[in-house]
Amino acid sequence: MQKTLILASNSKRRRQILEKIRLRHRVIPSFFDEDQIPLSHGVENYSLEVALAKGRLIAEKHPKDWVLSADTSVYFKEQHLNKPRSLGEAEQMLFSLQGQDHIVTSAMALFHQNRVFSIAHFNRVFFKSLNSDWIRYYHSTIDVLDAAGSYMIDGLSSLFIEKIEGTQESVMGLPVHLLEDLIKKHGGQLCDFSDYSLQSP
């Protein structure tokens, strides 16, 4: 991509993922109210609809730019686990996940020149058993009220996550391994190799 990507998100972790792959971008947060999308829309549709709504607000103002938006949702036993509203709710939420597996869905939408393509990626996360003291200690190390499912995949959570069927970046909030597919649908390329050449030593 020759132009700078607009990330329609204020997520620190999504910025970190784009920085990790060295993709030039600037941030214009979308302040779409996610409560406008009914949770009853299901695992895949909810995340896709929120990602599309977030990006549309920014893309309408920047139709010639590449605009990337995303949404991540946590589901356990057919229930949507949003960001907790209190520390008590966060503790109860994480305790319910201990020793169990749950689904994390991350959806992306890429807007460019009045066109949009979107995709959702599913991850299954397996937790070890936890006790209340461990949960309270863990919650003291993160901004838990900003964490869907009351945990964040990086940091100390690696001590109680047994395994992930999916990718860590997707659970963090951006299935970046699928980004090139969306860019190609728009007729673009993630990497422009025209400035590079191989030379013999």
Protein backbone atom coordinates (compact mmCIF):
# COMPACT_ATOMS: atom_id res chain seq x y z
CA MET A 1 0.00 0.00 0.00
CA GLN A 2 1.48 3.31 -1.02
CA LYS A 3 -0.93 5.50 0.92
CA THR A 4 -1.19 5.66 4.67
CA LEU A 5 -3.93 3.52 6.17
CA ILE A 6 -6.47 5.14 8.50
CA LEU A 7 -7.15 2.99 11.54
CA ALA A 8 -10.69 3.81 12.71
CA SER A 9 -9.98 2.64 16.23
CA ASN A 10 -8.48 3.98 19.43
CA SER A 11 -7.31 0.50 20.43
CA LYS A 12 -3.72 0.49 21.62
CA ARG A 13 -3.36 -3.17 20.73
CA ARG A 14 -4.57 -2.73 17.16
CA ARG A 15 -2.02 0.06 16.72
CA GLN A 16 0.67 -2.23 18.10
CA ILE A 17 -0.23 -4.95 15.60
CA LEU A 18 0.03 -2.56 12.64
CA GLU A 19 3.32 -1.25 13.99
CA LYS A 20 4.57 -4.81 14.35
CA ILE A 21 4.12 -5.43 10.62
CA ARG A 22 5.45 -1.92 9.87
CA LEU A 23 2.32 -0.78 8.06
CA ARG A 24 2.14 3.01 7.86
CA HIS A 25 -1.05 4.26 9.44
CA ARG A 26 -2.67 7.10 11.30
CA VAL A 27 -5.43 6.89 13.85
CA ILE A 28 -8.84 8.52 13.58
CA PRO A 29 -11.00 6.92 16.31
CA SER A 30 -14.57 6.00 15.52
CA PHE A 31 -16.87 6.75 18.40
CA PHE A 32 -19.73 4.62 17.15
CA ASP A 33 -22.06 3.53 19.95
CA GLU A 34 -21.84 -0.27 19.89
CA ASP A 35 -25.08 -0.53 21.88
CA GLN A 36 -26.92 0.32 18.64
CA ILE A 37 -26.20 -3.20 17.37
CA PRO A 38 -28.32 -5.87 19.11
CA LEU A 39 -26.30 -8.60 20.81
CA SER A 40 -28.88 -11.08 19.51
CA HIS A 41 -27.36 -10.81 16.03
CA GLY A 42 -25.07 -13.72 16.85
CA VAL A 43 -21.38 -14.52 17.04
CA GLU A 44 -20.32 -13.60 13.50
CA ASN A 45 -22.93 -11.02 12.50
CA TYR A 46 -22.55 -8.84 15.59
CA SER A 47 -18.80 -8.28 15.17
CA LEU A 48 -19.14 -7.72 11.43
CA GLU A 49 -21.93 -5.18 11.85
CA VAL A 50 -20.07 -3.25 14.54
CA ALA A 51 -16.86 -3.19 12.48
CA LEU A 52 -18.78 -1.94 9.44
CA ALA A 53 -20.58 0.74 11.44
CA LYS A 54 -17.34 1.95 13.04
CA GLY A 55 -15.55 2.25 9.71
CA ARG A 56 -18.44 3.80 7.85
CA LEU A 57 -18.36 6.90 10.09
CA ILE A 58 -14.74 7.57 9.13
CA ALA A 59 -14.89 6.38 5.51
CA GLU A 60 -17.72 8.80 4.71
CA LYS A 61 -15.37 11.65 5.62
CA HIS A 62 -12.33 10.12 3.88
CA PRO A 63 -13.72 8.26 0.84
CA LYS A 64 -10.43 8.27 -1.09
CA ASP A 65 -8.38 6.82 1.75
CA TRP A 66 -7.95 3.28 2.99
CA VAL A 67 -9.97 2.99 6.21
CA LEU A 68 -9.66 -0.06 8.45
CA SER A 69 -12.09 -0.76 11.28
CA ALA A 70 -12.48 -3.76 13.55
CA ASP A 71 -14.45 -5.26 16.41
CA THR A 72 -13.72 -8.10 18.81
CA SER A 73 -16.33 -10.03 20.77
CA VAL A 74 -16.13 -12.77 23.38
CA TYR A 75 -18.74 -15.55 23.60
CA PHE A 76 -19.15 -18.20 26.26
CA LYS A 77 -21.96 -20.75 26.28
CA GLU A 78 -23.90 -18.69 23.71
CA GLN A 79 -23.62 -15.56 25.87
CA HIS A 80 -21.94 -12.36 24.74
CA LEU A 81 -19.30 -11.22 27.24
CA ASN A 82 -18.83 -7.51 26.69
CA LYS A 83 -16.57 -5.19 28.67
CA PRO A 84 -17.40 -5.51 32.38
CA ARG A 85 -19.12 -2.57 34.06
CA SER A 86 -17.47 -3.06 37.44
CA LEU A 87 -14.59 -4.94 39.08
CA GLY A 88 -17.11 -7.29 40.67
CA GLU A 89 -18.63 -8.16 37.31
CA ALA A 90 -15.13 -8.59 35.85
CA GLU A 91 -14.16 -11.05 38.58
CA GLN A 92 -17.36 -13.04 38.12
CA MET A 93 -16.89 -13.07 34.34
CA LEU A 94 -13.32 -14.35 34.44
CA PHE A 95 -14.16 -16.90 37.14
CA SER A 96 -16.86 -18.35 34.86
CA LEU A 97 -14.25 -18.84 32.12
CA GLN A 98 -11.69 -20.66 34.28
CA GLY A 99 -11.09 -24.25 33.23
CA GLN A 100 -13.28 -23.71 30.15
CA ASP A 101 -12.93 -22.70 26.52
CA HIS A 102 -14.68 -19.81 24.80
CA ILE A 103 -14.93 -18.12 21.41
CA VAL A 104 -13.29 -14.81 20.47
CA THR A 105 -14.46 -13.33 17.19
CA SER A 106 -12.57 -10.50 15.50
CA ALA A 107 -14.03 -8.83 12.43
CA MET A 108 -12.39 -6.33 10.08
CA ALA A 109 -13.84 -3.99 7.46
CA LEU A 110 -11.72 -2.20 4.87
CA PHE A 111 -13.16 0.82 3.06
CA HIS A 112 -11.69 2.40 -0.07
CA GLN A 113 -13.25 4.60 -2.77
CA ASN A 114 -16.83 3.93 -1.66
CA ARG A 115 -16.33 0.17 -1.57
CA VAL A 116 -16.06 -2.06 1.47
CA PHE A 117 -15.06 -5.66 2.11
CA SER A 118 -15.28 -7.36 5.49
CA ILE A 119 -14.30 -10.62 7.13
CA ALA A 120 -14.65 -12.32 10.52
CA HIS A 121 -12.16 -14.66 12.16
CA PHE A 122 -12.96 -17.14 14.92
CA ASN A 123 -10.63 -18.17 17.74
CA ARG A 124 -11.10 -20.67 20.53
CA VAL A 125 -9.30 -19.87 23.78
CA PHE A 126 -8.73 -22.45 26.53
CA PHE A 127 -8.22 -21.33 30.15
CA LYS A 128 -6.57 -23.18 33.01
CA SER A 129 -8.35 -23.29 36.36
CA LEU A 130 -8.06 -20.07 38.40
CA ASN A 131 -8.90 -19.08 41.93
CA SER A 132 -10.40 -15.79 43.12
CA ASP A 133 -7.14 -14.46 44.58
CA TRP A 134 -5.33 -15.00 41.27
CA ILE A 135 -8.15 -13.32 39.35
CA ARG A 136 -8.12 -10.24 41.61
CA TYR A 137 -4.35 -9.98 41.30
CA TYR A 138 -4.51 -10.32 37.53
CA HIS A 139 -7.19 -7.64 37.25
CA SER A 140 -4.95 -5.24 39.19
CA THR A 141 -2.44 -5.43 36.32
CA ILE A 142 -4.74 -4.41 33.44
CA ASP A 143 -7.42 -1.87 32.57
CA VAL A 144 -10.05 -4.52 33.10
CA LEU A 145 -13.04 -2.27 32.36
CA ASP A 146 -11.70 -1.89 28.81
CA ALA A 147 -11.32 -5.64 28.26
CA ALA A 148 -14.02 -7.74 26.61
CA GLY A 149 -14.35 -10.93 28.60
CA SER A 150 -12.46 -9.19 31.45
CA TYR A 151 -9.00 -10.23 30.20
CA MET A 152 -6.37 -9.23 27.67
CA ILE A 153 -4.48 -11.84 25.68
CA ASP A 154 -1.04 -10.31 26.23
CA GLY A 155 0.81 -9.87 29.51
CA LEU A 156 0.07 -12.08 32.53
CA SER A 157 -2.81 -13.86 30.84
CA SER A 158 -0.19 -16.12 29.21
CA LEU A 159 0.11 -17.79 32.64
CA PHE A 160 -3.47 -19.07 32.59
CA ILE A 161 -4.20 -19.50 28.88
CA GLU A 162 -3.63 -23.15 28.09
CA LYS A 163 -3.84 -22.83 24.31
CA ILE A 164 -5.36 -20.85 21.45
CA GLU A 165 -6.95 -22.28 18.34
CA GLY A 166 -6.46 -19.22 16.14
CA THR A 167 -3.94 -16.38 16.33
CA GLN A 168 -2.90 -14.14 19.18
CA GLU A 169 -3.28 -11.03 17.00
CA SER A 170 -6.86 -11.96 16.22
CA VAL A 171 -7.68 -12.43 19.91
CA MET A 172 -5.97 -9.07 20.58
CA GLY A 173 -8.39 -7.46 18.14
CA LEU A 174 -7.04 -7.57 14.59
CA PRO A 175 -6.73 -10.74 12.45
CA VAL A 176 -3.91 -9.13 10.53
CA HIS A 177 -3.11 -12.34 8.63
CA LEU A 178 -6.35 -11.70 6.68
CA LEU A 179 -5.65 -8.03 5.95
CA GLU A 180 -3.86 -8.70 2.68
CA ASP A 181 -6.92 -10.60 1.41
CA LEU A 182 -9.12 -7.54 2.01
CA ILE A 183 -6.62 -5.22 0.34
CA LYS A 184 -6.40 -7.47 -2.71
CA LYS A 185 -10.19 -7.43 -3.07
CA HIS A 186 -9.86 -3.66 -3.46
CA GLY A 187 -7.19 -4.18 -6.11
CA GLY A 188 -4.33 -3.11 -3.85
CA GLN A 189 -1.27 -4.71 -2.31
CA LEU A 190 -0.21 -4.86 1.30
CA CYS A 191 3.45 -4.53 0.35
CA ASP A 192 4.81 -2.52 -2.57
CA PHE A 193 8.10 -4.14 -3.53
CA SER A 194 8.93 -1.63 -6.27
CA ASP A 195 11.36 0.19 -3.97
CA TYR A 196 13.32 -2.95 -3.19
CA SER A 197 15.91 -4.84 -5.21
CA LEU A 198 18.07 -7.87 -4.51
CA GLN A 199 21.78 -7.36 -4.98
CA SER A 200 24.60 -9.89 -4.97
CA PRO A 201 27.04 -9.50 -2.06
